[in-house]
Amino acid sequence: MDICAAVERDVTIAPGTTELIPSGFSIELPIGFEAQVRPRSGLAVKHNVGILNSPGTIDSDYRGEVKVILTNFGKAPFVVKRGDRIAQMVVHRYTRVEWREVENLNDTARGSGGFGHTGVEMKSK
């Protein structure tokens, strides 16, 4: 769902700065659910504006107003007006896990290869 700005008056976000933008609503999520606040692709591509902690997480025990941490990564000021669509929100179910310390992990074909190793066939030298 879209999140719209509920600012009292226009807010100008200077290049390289961040503003906390109110949405005008609060939510009560059931236990076992979280909401993720995500950037809008149009703001990113057209204005270089995004969400600093993307995705932002709203926990089920939070009862305050939903606010969006908008950052201007561009070179020109960006103006937020009341009613502007500034973010998107998705609600997800999650599962709590209980961590267990072990001495060793099971082997896999990938092993500890990461950062570009997924799906890449290793060539022998």
PDB file of N, CA and C in Angstrom:
ATOM      1  N   MET A   1       0.837  -1.178   0.000  1.00  0.00           N
ATOM      2  CA  MET A   1       0.000   0.000   0.000  1.00  0.00           C
ATOM      3  C   MET A   1       0.876   1.232   0.000  1.00  0.00           C
ATOM      4  N   ASP A   2       0.364   2.308  -0.544  1.00  0.00           N
ATOM      5  CA  ASP A   2       1.120   3.561  -0.570  1.00  0.00           C
ATOM      6  C   ASP A   2       1.046   4.262   0.775  1.00  0.00           C
ATOM      7  N   ILE A   3       2.121   4.934   1.124  1.00  0.00           N
ATOM      8  CA  ILE A   3       2.149   5.815   2.293  1.00  0.00           C
ATOM      9  C   ILE A   3       2.273   7.229   1.756  1.00  0.00           C
ATOM     10  N   CYS A   4       1.382   8.103   2.208  1.00  0.00           N
ATOM     11  CA  CYS A   4       1.388   9.497   1.773  1.00  0.00           C
ATOM     12  C   CYS A   4       1.892  10.402   2.887  1.00  0.00           C
ATOM     13  N   ALA A   5       2.485  11.509   2.494  1.00  0.00           N
ATOM     14  CA  ALA A   5       3.007  12.478   3.453  1.00  0.00           C
ATOM     15  C   ALA A   5       1.860  13.212   4.122  1.00  0.00           C
ATOM     16  N   ALA A   6       1.948  13.351   5.441  1.00  0.00           N
ATOM     17  CA  ALA A   6       0.946  14.100   6.203  1.00  0.00           C
ATOM     18  C   ALA A   6       1.613  15.316   6.849  1.00  0.00           C
ATOM     19  N   VAL A   7       2.417  16.010   6.058  1.00  0.00           N
ATOM     20  CA  VAL A   7       3.119  17.193   6.563  1.00  0.00           C
ATOM     21  C   VAL A   7       2.142  18.354   6.701  1.00  0.00           C
ATOM     22  N   GLU A   8       2.382  19.195   7.697  1.00  0.00           N
ATOM     23  CA  GLU A   8       1.543  20.386   7.901  1.00  0.00           C
ATOM     24  C   GLU A   8       1.762  21.400   6.780  1.00  0.00           C
ATOM     25  N   ARG A   9       3.029  21.555   6.389  1.00  0.00           N
ATOM     26  CA  ARG A   9       3.404  22.458   5.298  1.00  0.00           C
ATOM     27  C   ARG A   9       4.516  21.788   4.511  1.00  0.00           C
ATOM     28  N   ASP A  10       4.831  22.283   3.347  1.00  0.00           N
ATOM     29  CA  ASP A  10       5.870  21.691   2.509  1.00  0.00           C
ATOM     30  C   ASP A  10       7.169  21.530   3.293  1.00  0.00           C
ATOM     31  N   VAL A  11       7.853  20.402   3.059  1.00  0.00           N
ATOM     32  CA  VAL A  11       9.157  20.137   3.674  1.00  0.00           C
ATOM     33  C   VAL A  11      10.168  19.997   2.546  1.00  0.00           C
ATOM     34  N   THR A  12      11.207  20.817   2.591  1.00  0.00           N
ATOM     35  CA  THR A  12      12.266  20.731   1.595  1.00  0.00           C
ATOM     36  C   THR A  12      13.409  19.912   2.165  1.00  0.00           C
ATOM     37  N   ILE A  13      13.787  18.872   1.425  1.00  0.00           N
ATOM     38  CA  ILE A  13      14.910  18.034   1.822  1.00  0.00           C
ATOM     39  C   ILE A  13      16.100  18.459   0.961  1.00  0.00           C
ATOM     40  N   ALA A  14      17.081  19.056   1.601  1.00  0.00           N
ATOM     41  CA  ALA A  14      18.270  19.521   0.886  1.00  0.00           C
ATOM     42  C   ALA A  14      19.096  18.325   0.423  1.00  0.00           C
ATOM     43  N   PRO A  15      19.887  18.500  -0.629  1.00  0.00           N
ATOM     44  CA  PRO A  15      20.753  17.410  -1.092  1.00  0.00           C
ATOM     45  C   PRO A  15      21.633  16.893   0.051  1.00  0.00           C
ATOM     46  N   GLY A  16      21.718  15.577   0.145  1.00  0.00           N
ATOM     47  CA  GLY A  16      22.561  14.956   1.156  1.00  0.00           C
ATOM     48  C   GLY A  16      21.996  14.972   2.558  1.00  0.00           C
ATOM     49  N   THR A  17      20.722  15.332   2.713  1.00  0.00           N
ATOM     50  CA  THR A  17      20.123  15.372   4.051  1.00  0.00           C
ATOM     51  C   THR A  17      18.923  14.434   4.146  1.00  0.00           C
ATOM     52  N   THR A  18      18.482  14.244   5.383  1.00  0.00           N
ATOM     53  CA  THR A  18      17.400  13.313   5.688  1.00  0.00           C
ATOM     54  C   THR A  18      16.344  14.011   6.523  1.00  0.00           C
ATOM     55  N   GLU A  19      15.083  13.705   6.276  1.00  0.00           N
ATOM     56  CA  GLU A  19      13.969  14.242   7.059  1.00  0.00           C
ATOM     57  C   GLU A  19      13.039  13.102   7.454  1.00  0.00           C
ATOM     58  N   LEU A  20      12.479  13.194   8.649  1.00  0.00           N
ATOM     59  CA  LEU A  20      11.492  12.240   9.133  1.00  0.00           C
ATOM     60  C   LEU A  20      10.116  12.781   8.761  1.00  0.00           C
ATOM     61  N   ILE A  21       9.436  12.100   7.859  1.00  0.00           N
ATOM     62  CA  ILE A  21       8.174  12.590   7.301  1.00  0.00           C
ATOM     63  C   ILE A  21       7.005  11.811   7.913  1.00  0.00           C
ATOM     64  N   PRO A  22       6.050  12.510   8.537  1.00  0.00           N
ATOM     65  CA  PRO A  22       4.898  11.833   9.135  1.00  0.00           C
ATOM     66  C   PRO A  22       3.929  11.311   8.083  1.00  0.00           C
ATOM     67  N   SER A  23       3.220  10.223   8.452  1.00  0.00           N
ATOM     68  CA  SER A  23       2.229   9.636   7.545  1.00  0.00           C
ATOM     69  C   SER A  23       0.797   9.960   7.960  1.00  0.00           C
ATOM     70  N   GLY A  24       0.608  10.342   9.222  1.00  0.00           N
ATOM     71  CA  GLY A  24      -0.736  10.651   9.697  1.00  0.00           C
ATOM     72  C   GLY A  24      -1.516   9.448  10.183  1.00  0.00           C
ATOM     73  N   PHE A  25      -0.883   8.258  10.248  1.00  0.00           N
ATOM     74  CA  PHE A  25      -1.615   7.089  10.740  1.00  0.00           C
ATOM     75  C   PHE A  25      -0.715   6.226  11.625  1.00  0.00           C
ATOM     76  N   SER A  26      -1.364   5.440  12.463  1.00  0.00           N
ATOM     77  CA  SER A  26      -0.712   4.425  13.295  1.00  0.00           C
ATOM     78  C   SER A  26      -1.376   3.098  12.979  1.00  0.00           C
ATOM     79  N   ILE A  27      -0.668   2.009  13.268  1.00  0.00           N
ATOM     80  CA  ILE A  27      -1.237   0.679  13.010  1.00  0.00           C
ATOM     81  C   ILE A  27      -1.018  -0.216  14.228  1.00  0.00           C
ATOM     82  N   GLU A  28      -1.845  -1.230  14.336  1.00  0.00           N
ATOM     83  CA  GLU A  28      -1.664  -2.267  15.349  1.00  0.00           C
ATOM     84  C   GLU A  28      -1.585  -3.600  14.623  1.00  0.00           C
ATOM     85  N   LEU A  29      -0.384  -4.132  14.565  1.00  0.00           N
ATOM     86  CA  LEU A  29      -0.167  -5.408  13.886  1.00  0.00           C
ATOM     87  C   LEU A  29      -0.301  -6.555  14.879  1.00  0.00           C
ATOM     88  N   PRO A  30      -0.877  -7.668  14.466  1.00  0.00           N
ATOM     89  CA  PRO A  30      -0.940  -8.826  15.354  1.00  0.00           C
ATOM     90  C   PRO A  30       0.467  -9.382  15.607  1.00  0.00           C
ATOM     91  N   ILE A  31       0.637 -10.065  16.718  1.00  0.00           N
ATOM     92  CA  ILE A  31       1.905 -10.737  16.992  1.00  0.00           C
ATOM     93  C   ILE A  31       2.164 -11.715  15.862  1.00  0.00           C
ATOM     94  N   GLY A  32       3.406 -11.766  15.414  1.00  0.00           N
ATOM     95  CA  GLY A  32       3.766 -12.637  14.298  1.00  0.00           C
ATOM     96  C   GLY A  32       3.745 -11.927  12.952  1.00  0.00           C
ATOM     97  N   PHE A  33       3.459 -10.605  12.959  1.00  0.00           N
ATOM     98  CA  PHE A  33       3.455  -9.821  11.729  1.00  0.00           C
ATOM     99  C   PHE A  33       4.368  -8.619  11.894  1.00  0.00           C
ATOM    100  N   GLU A  34       4.901  -8.153  10.787  1.00  0.00           N
ATOM    101  CA  GLU A  34       5.685  -6.924  10.727  1.00  0.00           C
ATOM    102  C   GLU A  34       5.254  -6.170   9.480  1.00  0.00           C
ATOM    103  N   ALA A  35       5.482  -4.876   9.473  1.00  0.00           N
ATOM    104  CA  ALA A  35       5.264  -4.086   8.266  1.00  0.00           C
ATOM    105  C   ALA A  35       6.620  -3.580   7.804  1.00  0.00           C
ATOM    106  N   GLN A  36       6.854  -3.621   6.507  1.00  0.00           N
ATOM    107  CA  GLN A  36       8.090  -3.098   5.932  1.00  0.00           C
ATOM    108  C   GLN A  36       7.764  -1.845   5.131  1.00  0.00           C
ATOM    109  N   VAL A  37       8.508  -0.781   5.412  1.00  0.00           N
ATOM    110  CA  VAL A  37       8.364   0.473   4.690  1.00  0.00           C
ATOM    111  C   VAL A  37       9.461   0.496   3.628  1.00  0.00           C
ATOM    112  N   ARG A  38       9.037   0.607   2.383  1.00  0.00           N
ATOM    113  CA  ARG A  38       9.961   0.508   1.256  1.00  0.00           C
ATOM    114  C   ARG A  38       9.934   1.767   0.400  1.00  0.00           C
ATOM    115  N   PRO A  39      11.023   2.024  -0.326  1.00  0.00           N
ATOM    116  CA  PRO A  39      11.056   3.206  -1.195  1.00  0.00           C
ATOM    117  C   PRO A  39      10.164   3.060  -2.417  1.00  0.00           C
ATOM    118  N   ARG A  40       9.841   4.171  -3.009  1.00  0.00           N
ATOM    119  CA  ARG A  40       9.091   4.183  -4.268  1.00  0.00           C
ATOM    120  C   ARG A  40      10.096   4.338  -5.408  1.00  0.00           C
ATOM    121  N   SER A  41       9.969   3.495  -6.407  1.00  0.00           N
ATOM    122  CA  SER A  41      10.934   3.520  -7.507  1.00  0.00           C
ATOM    123  C   SER A  41      10.893   4.844  -8.275  1.00  0.00           C
ATOM    124  N   GLY A  42       9.717   5.446  -8.404  1.00  0.00           N
ATOM    125  CA  GLY A  42       9.612   6.713  -9.122  1.00  0.00           C
ATOM    126  C   GLY A  42      10.385   7.837  -8.449  1.00  0.00           C
ATOM    127  N   LEU A  43      10.338   7.889  -7.115  1.00  0.00           N
ATOM    128  CA  LEU A  43      11.110   8.909  -6.392  1.00  0.00           C
ATOM    129  C   LEU A  43      12.600   8.665  -6.571  1.00  0.00           C
ATOM    130  N   ALA A  44      12.988   7.393  -6.582  1.00  0.00           N
ATOM    131  CA  ALA A  44      14.406   7.067  -6.722  1.00  0.00           C
ATOM    132  C   ALA A  44      14.934   7.458  -8.098  1.00  0.00           C
ATOM    133  N   VAL A  45      14.242   7.047  -9.143  1.00  0.00           N
ATOM    134  CA  VAL A  45      14.746   7.273 -10.494  1.00  0.00           C
ATOM    135  C   VAL A  45      14.589   8.731 -10.950  1.00  0.00           C
ATOM    136  N   LYS A  46      13.522   9.391 -10.536  1.00  0.00           N
ATOM    137  CA  LYS A  46      13.276  10.762 -10.993  1.00  0.00           C
ATOM    138  C   LYS A  46      13.927  11.823 -10.125  1.00  0.00           C
ATOM    139  N   HIS A  47      14.072  11.541  -8.809  1.00  0.00           N
ATOM    140  CA  HIS A  47      14.536  12.578  -7.891  1.00  0.00           C
ATOM    141  C   HIS A  47      15.705  12.161  -6.999  1.00  0.00           C
ATOM    142  N   ASN A  48      16.170  10.918  -7.126  1.00  0.00           N
ATOM    143  CA  ASN A  48      17.249  10.409  -6.270  1.00  0.00           C
ATOM    144  C   ASN A  48      16.884  10.470  -4.788  1.00  0.00           C
ATOM    145  N   VAL A  49      15.624  10.214  -4.491  1.00  0.00           N
ATOM    146  CA  VAL A  49      15.137  10.226  -3.113  1.00  0.00           C
ATOM    147  C   VAL A  49      14.774   8.803  -2.719  1.00  0.00           C
ATOM    148  N   GLY A  50      15.234   8.393  -1.539  1.00  0.00           N
ATOM    149  CA  GLY A  50      14.963   7.045  -1.063  1.00  0.00           C
ATOM    150  C   GLY A  50      14.824   7.002   0.440  1.00  0.00           C
ATOM    151  N   ILE A  51      14.711   5.798   0.955  1.00  0.00           N
ATOM    152  CA  ILE A  51      14.562   5.590   2.398  1.00  0.00           C
ATOM    153  C   ILE A  51      15.900   5.123   2.939  1.00  0.00           C
ATOM    154  N   LEU A  52      16.380   5.802   3.967  1.00  0.00           N
ATOM    155  CA  LEU A  52      17.718   5.548   4.483  1.00  0.00           C
ATOM    156  C   LEU A  52      17.869   4.140   5.036  1.00  0.00           C
ATOM    157  N   ASN A  53      16.916   3.651   5.787  1.00  0.00           N
ATOM    158  CA  ASN A  53      17.025   2.312   6.389  1.00  0.00           C
ATOM    159  C   ASN A  53      16.086   1.336   5.691  1.00  0.00           C
ATOM    160  N   SER A  54      16.256   1.205   4.412  1.00  0.00           N
ATOM    161  CA  SER A  54      15.313   0.438   3.617  1.00  0.00           C
ATOM    162  C   SER A  54      15.593  -1.058   3.649  1.00  0.00           C
ATOM    163  N   PRO A  55      14.611  -1.917   3.872  1.00  0.00           N
ATOM    164  CA  PRO A  55      13.274  -1.512   4.291  1.00  0.00           C
ATOM    165  C   PRO A  55      13.235  -1.222   5.786  1.00  0.00           C
ATOM    166  N   GLY A  56      12.459  -0.237   6.155  1.00  0.00           N
ATOM    167  CA  GLY A  56      12.233   0.043   7.570  1.00  0.00           C
ATOM    168  C   GLY A  56      11.228  -0.956   8.113  1.00  0.00           C
ATOM    169  N   THR A  57      11.421  -1.382   9.342  1.00  0.00           N
ATOM    170  CA  THR A  57      10.543  -2.390   9.946  1.00  0.00           C
ATOM    171  C   THR A  57       9.676  -1.776  11.029  1.00  0.00           C
ATOM    172  N   ILE A  58       8.383  -2.080  10.997  1.00  0.00           N
ATOM    173  CA  ILE A  58       7.454  -1.702  12.061  1.00  0.00           C
ATOM    174  C   ILE A  58       7.084  -2.988  12.781  1.00  0.00           C
ATOM    175  N   ASP A  59       7.452  -3.075  14.044  1.00  0.00           N
ATOM    176  CA  ASP A  59       7.178  -4.269  14.844  1.00  0.00           C
ATOM    177  C   ASP A  59       5.741  -4.275  15.343  1.00  0.00           C
ATOM    178  N   SER A  60       5.263  -5.459  15.740  1.00  0.00           N
ATOM    179  CA  SER A  60       3.874  -5.612  16.184  1.00  0.00           C
ATOM    180  C   SER A  60       3.594  -4.895  17.500  1.00  0.00           C
ATOM    181  N   ASP A  61       4.616  -4.537  18.271  1.00  0.00           N
ATOM    182  CA  ASP A  61       4.363  -3.847  19.540  1.00  0.00           C
ATOM    183  C   ASP A  61       4.487  -2.325  19.426  1.00  0.00           C
ATOM    184  N   TYR A  62       4.757  -1.793  18.231  1.00  0.00           N
ATOM    185  CA  TYR A  62       4.878  -0.346  18.035  1.00  0.00           C
ATOM    186  C   TYR A  62       3.486   0.265  17.865  1.00  0.00           C
ATOM    187  N   ARG A  63       3.220   1.345  18.588  1.00  0.00           N
ATOM    188  CA  ARG A  63       1.900   1.987  18.504  1.00  0.00           C
ATOM    189  C   ARG A  63       1.959   3.457  18.096  1.00  0.00           C
ATOM    190  N   GLY A  64       3.132   3.963  17.774  1.00  0.00           N
ATOM    191  CA  GLY A  64       3.244   5.363  17.378  1.00  0.00           C
ATOM    192  C   GLY A  64       2.885   5.580  15.919  1.00  0.00           C
ATOM    193  N   GLU A  65       2.952   6.830  15.512  1.00  0.00           N
ATOM    194  CA  GLU A  65       2.685   7.186  14.124  1.00  0.00           C
ATOM    195  C   GLU A  65       3.768   6.589  13.219  1.00  0.00           C
ATOM    196  N   VAL A  66       3.354   6.085  12.077  1.00  0.00           N
ATOM    197  CA  VAL A  66       4.303   5.607  11.086  1.00  0.00           C
ATOM    198  C   VAL A  66       4.947   6.832  10.447  1.00  0.00           C
ATOM    199  N   LYS A  67       6.279   6.838  10.430  1.00  0.00           N
ATOM    200  CA  LYS A  67       7.019   7.936   9.805  1.00  0.00           C
ATOM    201  C   LYS A  67       8.034   7.335   8.848  1.00  0.00           C
ATOM    202  N   VAL A  68       8.387   8.101   7.840  1.00  0.00           N
ATOM    203  CA  VAL A  68       9.280   7.630   6.789  1.00  0.00           C
ATOM    204  C   VAL A  68      10.563   8.454   6.827  1.00  0.00           C
ATOM    205  N   ILE A  69      11.704   7.761   6.848  1.00  0.00           N
ATOM    206  CA  ILE A  69      13.011   8.423   6.878  1.00  0.00           C
ATOM    207  C   ILE A  69      13.445   8.655   5.431  1.00  0.00           C
ATOM    208  N   LEU A  70      13.063   9.812   4.874  1.00  0.00           N
ATOM    209  CA  LEU A  70      13.386  10.120   3.478  1.00  0.00           C
ATOM    210  C   LEU A  70      14.743  10.808   3.390  1.00  0.00           C
ATOM    211  N   THR A  71      15.563  10.340   2.454  1.00  0.00           N
ATOM    212  CA  THR A  71      16.879  10.930   2.227  1.00  0.00           C
ATOM    213  C   THR A  71      16.980  11.389   0.781  1.00  0.00           C
ATOM    214  N   ASN A  72      17.540  12.566   0.612  1.00  0.00           N
ATOM    215  CA  ASN A  72      17.771  13.118  -0.716  1.00  0.00           C
ATOM    216  C   ASN A  72      19.213  12.788  -1.108  1.00  0.00           C
ATOM    217  N   PHE A  73      19.377  11.783  -1.958  1.00  0.00           N
ATOM    218  CA  PHE A  73      20.693  11.375  -2.429  1.00  0.00           C
ATOM    219  C   PHE A  73      21.118  12.179  -3.655  1.00  0.00           C
ATOM    220  N   GLY A  74      20.250  13.068  -4.122  1.00  0.00           N
ATOM    221  CA  GLY A  74      20.507  13.826  -5.342  1.00  0.00           C
ATOM    222  C   GLY A  74      21.278  15.108  -5.111  1.00  0.00           C
ATOM    223  N   LYS A  75      21.271  15.947  -6.139  1.00  0.00           N
ATOM    224  CA  LYS A  75      22.012  17.205  -6.102  1.00  0.00           C
ATOM    225  C   LYS A  75      21.104  18.428  -6.048  1.00  0.00           C
ATOM    226  N   ALA A  76      19.786  18.207  -6.142  1.00  0.00           N
ATOM    227  CA  ALA A  76      18.825  19.315  -6.103  1.00  0.00           C
ATOM    228  C   ALA A  76      17.896  19.129  -4.907  1.00  0.00           C
ATOM    229  N   PRO A  77      17.403  20.232  -4.327  1.00  0.00           N
ATOM    230  CA  PRO A  77      16.438  20.111  -3.225  1.00  0.00           C
ATOM    231  C   PRO A  77      15.197  19.359  -3.693  1.00  0.00           C
ATOM    232  N   PHE A  78      14.575  18.622  -2.771  1.00  0.00           N
ATOM    233  CA  PHE A  78      13.346  17.882  -3.065  1.00  0.00           C
ATOM    234  C   PHE A  78      12.275  18.348  -2.096  1.00  0.00           C
ATOM    235  N   VAL A  79      11.106  18.711  -2.630  1.00  0.00           N
ATOM    236  CA  VAL A  79      10.021  19.232  -1.803  1.00  0.00           C
ATOM    237  C   VAL A  79       8.957  18.154  -1.608  1.00  0.00           C
ATOM    238  N   VAL A  80       8.619  17.899  -0.342  1.00  0.00           N
ATOM    239  CA  VAL A  80       7.553  16.962   0.012  1.00  0.00           C
ATOM    240  C   VAL A  80       6.313  17.778   0.337  1.00  0.00           C
ATOM    241  N   LYS A  81       5.211  17.485  -0.351  1.00  0.00           N
ATOM    242  CA  LYS A  81       3.948  18.184  -0.119  1.00  0.00           C
ATOM    243  C   LYS A  81       2.948  17.232   0.524  1.00  0.00           C
ATOM    244  N   ARG A  82       2.016  17.776   1.260  1.00  0.00           N
ATOM    245  CA  ARG A  82       0.970  16.967   1.883  1.00  0.00           C
ATOM    246  C   ARG A  82       0.262  16.133   0.815  1.00  0.00           C
ATOM    247  N   GLY A  83       0.128  14.840   1.080  1.00  0.00           N
ATOM    248  CA  GLY A  83      -0.550  13.935   0.150  1.00  0.00           C
ATOM    249  C   GLY A  83       0.362  13.259  -0.855  1.00  0.00           C
ATOM    250  N   ASP A  84       1.625  13.694  -0.951  1.00  0.00           N
ATOM    251  CA  ASP A  84       2.564  13.033  -1.865  1.00  0.00           C
ATOM    252  C   ASP A  84       2.761  11.577  -1.450  1.00  0.00           C
ATOM    253  N   ARG A  85       2.805  10.696  -2.419  1.00  0.00           N
ATOM    254  CA  ARG A  85       3.127   9.294  -2.136  1.00  0.00           C
ATOM    255  C   ARG A  85       4.642   9.206  -1.949  1.00  0.00           C
ATOM    256  N   ILE A  86       5.064   8.860  -0.724  1.00  0.00           N
ATOM    257  CA  ILE A  86       6.488   8.904  -0.397  1.00  0.00           C
ATOM    258  C   ILE A  86       7.109   7.534  -0.130  1.00  0.00           C
ATOM    259  N   ALA A  87       6.294   6.508   0.057  1.00  0.00           N
ATOM    260  CA  ALA A  87       6.817   5.167   0.361  1.00  0.00           C
ATOM    261  C   ALA A  87       5.731   4.143   0.096  1.00  0.00           C
ATOM    262  N   GLN A  88       6.113   2.879   0.244  1.00  0.00           N
ATOM    263  CA  GLN A  88       5.169   1.773   0.154  1.00  0.00           C
ATOM    264  C   GLN A  88       5.307   0.931   1.416  1.00  0.00           C
ATOM    265  N   MET A  89       4.226   0.267   1.804  1.00  0.00           N
ATOM    266  CA  MET A  89       4.270  -0.580   2.986  1.00  0.00           C
ATOM    267  C   MET A  89       3.700  -1.951   2.654  1.00  0.00           C
ATOM    268  N   VAL A  90       4.416  -2.978   3.095  1.00  0.00           N
ATOM    269  CA  VAL A  90       4.003  -4.356   2.897  1.00  0.00           C
ATOM    270  C   VAL A  90       3.960  -5.018   4.263  1.00  0.00           C
ATOM    271  N   VAL A  91       2.893  -5.767   4.541  1.00  0.00           N
ATOM    272  CA  VAL A  91       2.761  -6.487   5.815  1.00  0.00           C
ATOM    273  C   VAL A  91       3.108  -7.954   5.576  1.00  0.00           C
ATOM    274  N   HIS A  92       3.958  -8.477   6.448  1.00  0.00           N
ATOM    275  CA  HIS A  92       4.424  -9.866   6.322  1.00  0.00           C
ATOM    276  C   HIS A  92       4.237 -10.617   7.629  1.00  0.00           C
ATOM    277  N   ARG A  93       3.954 -11.902   7.497  1.00  0.00           N
ATOM    278  CA  ARG A  93       3.996 -12.806   8.644  1.00  0.00           C
ATOM    279  C   ARG A  93       5.452 -13.248   8.807  1.00  0.00           C
ATOM    280  N   TYR A  94       5.897 -13.410  10.044  1.00  0.00           N
ATOM    281  CA  TYR A  94       7.243 -13.921  10.273  1.00  0.00           C
ATOM    282  C   TYR A  94       7.197 -15.042  11.301  1.00  0.00           C
ATOM    283  N   THR A  95       8.250 -15.810  11.339  1.00  0.00           N
ATOM    284  CA  THR A  95       8.368 -16.919  12.277  1.00  0.00           C
ATOM    285  C   THR A  95       9.510 -16.634  13.228  1.00  0.00           C
ATOM    286  N   ARG A  96       9.249 -16.757  14.516  1.00  0.00           N
ATOM    287  CA  ARG A  96      10.324 -16.621  15.501  1.00  0.00           C
ATOM    288  C   ARG A  96      11.111 -17.918  15.522  1.00  0.00           C
ATOM    289  N   VAL A  97      12.408 -17.794  15.639  1.00  0.00           N
ATOM    290  CA  VAL A  97      13.255 -18.973  15.712  1.00  0.00           C
ATOM    291  C   VAL A  97      13.980 -18.994  17.051  1.00  0.00           C
ATOM    292  N   GLU A  98      14.350 -20.167  17.459  1.00  0.00           N
ATOM    293  CA  GLU A  98      15.182 -20.315  18.645  1.00  0.00           C
ATOM    294  C   GLU A  98      16.568 -20.712  18.167  1.00  0.00           C
ATOM    295  N   TRP A  99      17.559 -19.914  18.537  1.00  0.00           N
ATOM    296  CA  TRP A  99      18.925 -20.172  18.110  1.00  0.00           C
ATOM    297  C   TRP A  99      19.528 -21.285  18.956  1.00  0.00           C
ATOM    298  N   ARG A 100      20.329 -22.088  18.307  1.00  0.00           N
ATOM    299  CA  ARG A 100      21.018 -23.176  18.990  1.00  0.00           C
ATOM    300  C   ARG A 100      22.471 -23.143  18.529  1.00  0.00           C
ATOM    301  N   GLU A 101      23.384 -23.073  19.476  1.00  0.00           N
ATOM    302  CA  GLU A 101      24.796 -23.053  19.134  1.00  0.00           C
ATOM    303  C   GLU A 101      25.264 -24.477  18.836  1.00  0.00           C
ATOM    304  N   VAL A 102      26.019 -24.625  17.727  1.00  0.00           N
ATOM    305  CA  VAL A 102      26.548 -25.931  17.340  1.00  0.00           C
ATOM    306  C   VAL A 102      28.036 -25.790  17.056  1.00  0.00           C
ATOM    307  N   GLU A 103      28.720 -26.883  17.078  1.00  0.00           N
ATOM    308  CA  GLU A 103      30.162 -26.888  16.791  1.00  0.00           C
ATOM    309  C   GLU A 103      30.438 -26.759  15.297  1.00  0.00           C
ATOM    310  N   ASN A 104      29.602 -27.422  14.457  1.00  0.00           N
ATOM    311  CA  ASN A 104      29.818 -27.439  13.014  1.00  0.00           C
ATOM    312  C   ASN A 104      28.496 -27.258  12.285  1.00  0.00           C
ATOM    313  N   LEU A 105      28.584 -26.734  11.059  1.00  0.00           N
ATOM    314  CA  LEU A 105      27.423 -26.613  10.184  1.00  0.00           C
ATOM    315  C   LEU A 105      27.476 -27.703   9.126  1.00  0.00           C
ATOM    316  N   ASN A 106      26.320 -28.107   8.618  1.00  0.00           N
ATOM    317  CA  ASN A 106      26.273 -29.086   7.537  1.00  0.00           C
ATOM    318  C   ASN A 106      26.923 -28.505   6.285  1.00  0.00           C
ATOM    319  N   ASP A 107      27.584 -29.356   5.491  1.00  0.00           N
ATOM    320  CA  ASP A 107      28.212 -28.919   4.254  1.00  0.00           C
ATOM    321  C   ASP A 107      27.164 -28.726   3.166  1.00  0.00           C
ATOM    322  N   THR A 108      27.446 -27.794   2.247  1.00  0.00           N
ATOM    323  CA  THR A 108      26.632 -27.597   1.045  1.00  0.00           C
ATOM    324  C   THR A 108      27.581 -27.440  -0.134  1.00  0.00           C
ATOM    325  N   ALA A 109      27.054 -27.501  -1.349  1.00  0.00           N
ATOM    326  CA  ALA A 109      27.885 -27.311  -2.537  1.00  0.00           C
ATOM    327  C   ALA A 109      28.487 -25.909  -2.561  1.00  0.00           C
ATOM    328  N   ARG A 110      27.757 -24.933  -2.090  1.00  0.00           N
ATOM    329  CA  ARG A 110      28.236 -23.550  -2.086  1.00  0.00           C
ATOM    330  C   ARG A 110      29.231 -23.305  -0.966  1.00  0.00           C
ATOM    331  N   GLY A 111      29.004 -23.907   0.180  1.00  0.00           N
ATOM    332  CA  GLY A 111      29.901 -23.696   1.314  1.00  0.00           C
ATOM    333  C   GLY A 111      29.865 -22.259   1.788  1.00  0.00           C
ATOM    334  N   SER A 112      31.022 -21.685   2.023  1.00  0.00           N
ATOM    335  CA  SER A 112      31.087 -20.315   2.538  1.00  0.00           C
ATOM    336  C   SER A 112      31.246 -19.287   1.432  1.00  0.00           C
ATOM    337  N   GLY A 113      31.164 -19.708   0.166  1.00  0.00           N
ATOM    338  CA  GLY A 113      31.296 -18.770  -0.946  1.00  0.00           C
ATOM    339  C   GLY A 113      30.137 -17.784  -0.961  1.00  0.00           C
ATOM    340  N   GLY A 114      30.449 -16.531  -1.088  1.00  0.00           N
ATOM    341  CA  GLY A 114      29.420 -15.489  -1.107  1.00  0.00           C
ATOM    342  C   GLY A 114      29.890 -14.308  -1.922  1.00  0.00           C
ATOM    343  N   PHE A 115      29.130 -13.243  -1.879  1.00  0.00           N
ATOM    344  CA  PHE A 115      29.499 -12.007  -2.563  1.00  0.00           C
ATOM    345  C   PHE A 115      29.843 -12.263  -4.026  1.00  0.00           C
ATOM    346  N   GLY A 116      28.876 -12.812  -4.753  1.00  0.00           N
ATOM    347  CA  GLY A 116      29.058 -13.054  -6.176  1.00  0.00           C
ATOM    348  C   GLY A 116      29.271 -14.513  -6.530  1.00  0.00           C
ATOM    349  N   HIS A 117      29.281 -15.394  -5.537  1.00  0.00           N
ATOM    350  CA  HIS A 117      29.494 -16.808  -5.816  1.00  0.00           C
ATOM    351  C   HIS A 117      28.206 -17.575  -6.129  1.00  0.00           C
ATOM    352  N   THR A 118      27.052 -17.029  -5.783  1.00  0.00           N
ATOM    353  CA  THR A 118      25.802 -17.754  -5.978  1.00  0.00           C
ATOM    354  C   THR A 118      25.558 -17.996  -7.449  1.00  0.00           C
ATOM    355  N   GLY A 119      25.396 -19.245  -7.823  1.00  0.00           N
ATOM    356  CA  GLY A 119      25.085 -19.586  -9.208  1.00  0.00           C
ATOM    357  C   GLY A 119      26.260 -19.492 -10.153  1.00  0.00           C
ATOM    358  N   VAL A 120      27.449 -19.206  -9.673  1.00  0.00           N
ATOM    359  CA  VAL A 120      28.630 -19.112 -10.517  1.00  0.00           C
ATOM    360  C   VAL A 120      29.418 -20.400 -10.391  1.00  0.00           C
ATOM    361  N   GLU A 121      29.673 -21.020 -11.501  1.00  0.00           N
ATOM    362  CA  GLU A 121      30.452 -22.251 -11.487  1.00  0.00           C
ATOM    363  C   GLU A 121      31.915 -21.898 -11.319  1.00  0.00           C
ATOM    364  N   MET A 122      32.549 -22.486 -10.333  1.00  0.00           N
ATOM    365  CA  MET A 122      33.952 -22.210 -10.075  1.00  0.00           C
ATOM    366  C   MET A 122      34.810 -22.971 -11.083  1.00  0.00           C
ATOM    367  N   LYS A 123      35.770 -22.310 -11.703  1.00  0.00           N
ATOM    368  CA  LYS A 123      36.650 -22.951 -12.660  1.00  0.00           C
ATOM    369  C   LYS A 123      37.960 -23.268 -11.960  1.00  0.00           C
ATOM    370  N   SER A 124      38.492 -24.434 -12.227  1.00  0.00           N
ATOM    371  CA  SER A 124      39.781 -24.783 -11.624  1.00  0.00           C
ATOM    372  C   SER A 124      40.892 -24.065 -12.374  1.00  0.00           C
ATOM    373  N   LYS A 125      41.932 -23.744 -11.641  1.00  0.00           N
ATOM    374  CA  LYS A 125      43.048 -22.986 -12.252  1.00  0.00           C
ATOM    375  C   LYS A 125      44.088 -23.888 -12.796  1.00  0.00           C
TER     376      LYS A 125
END
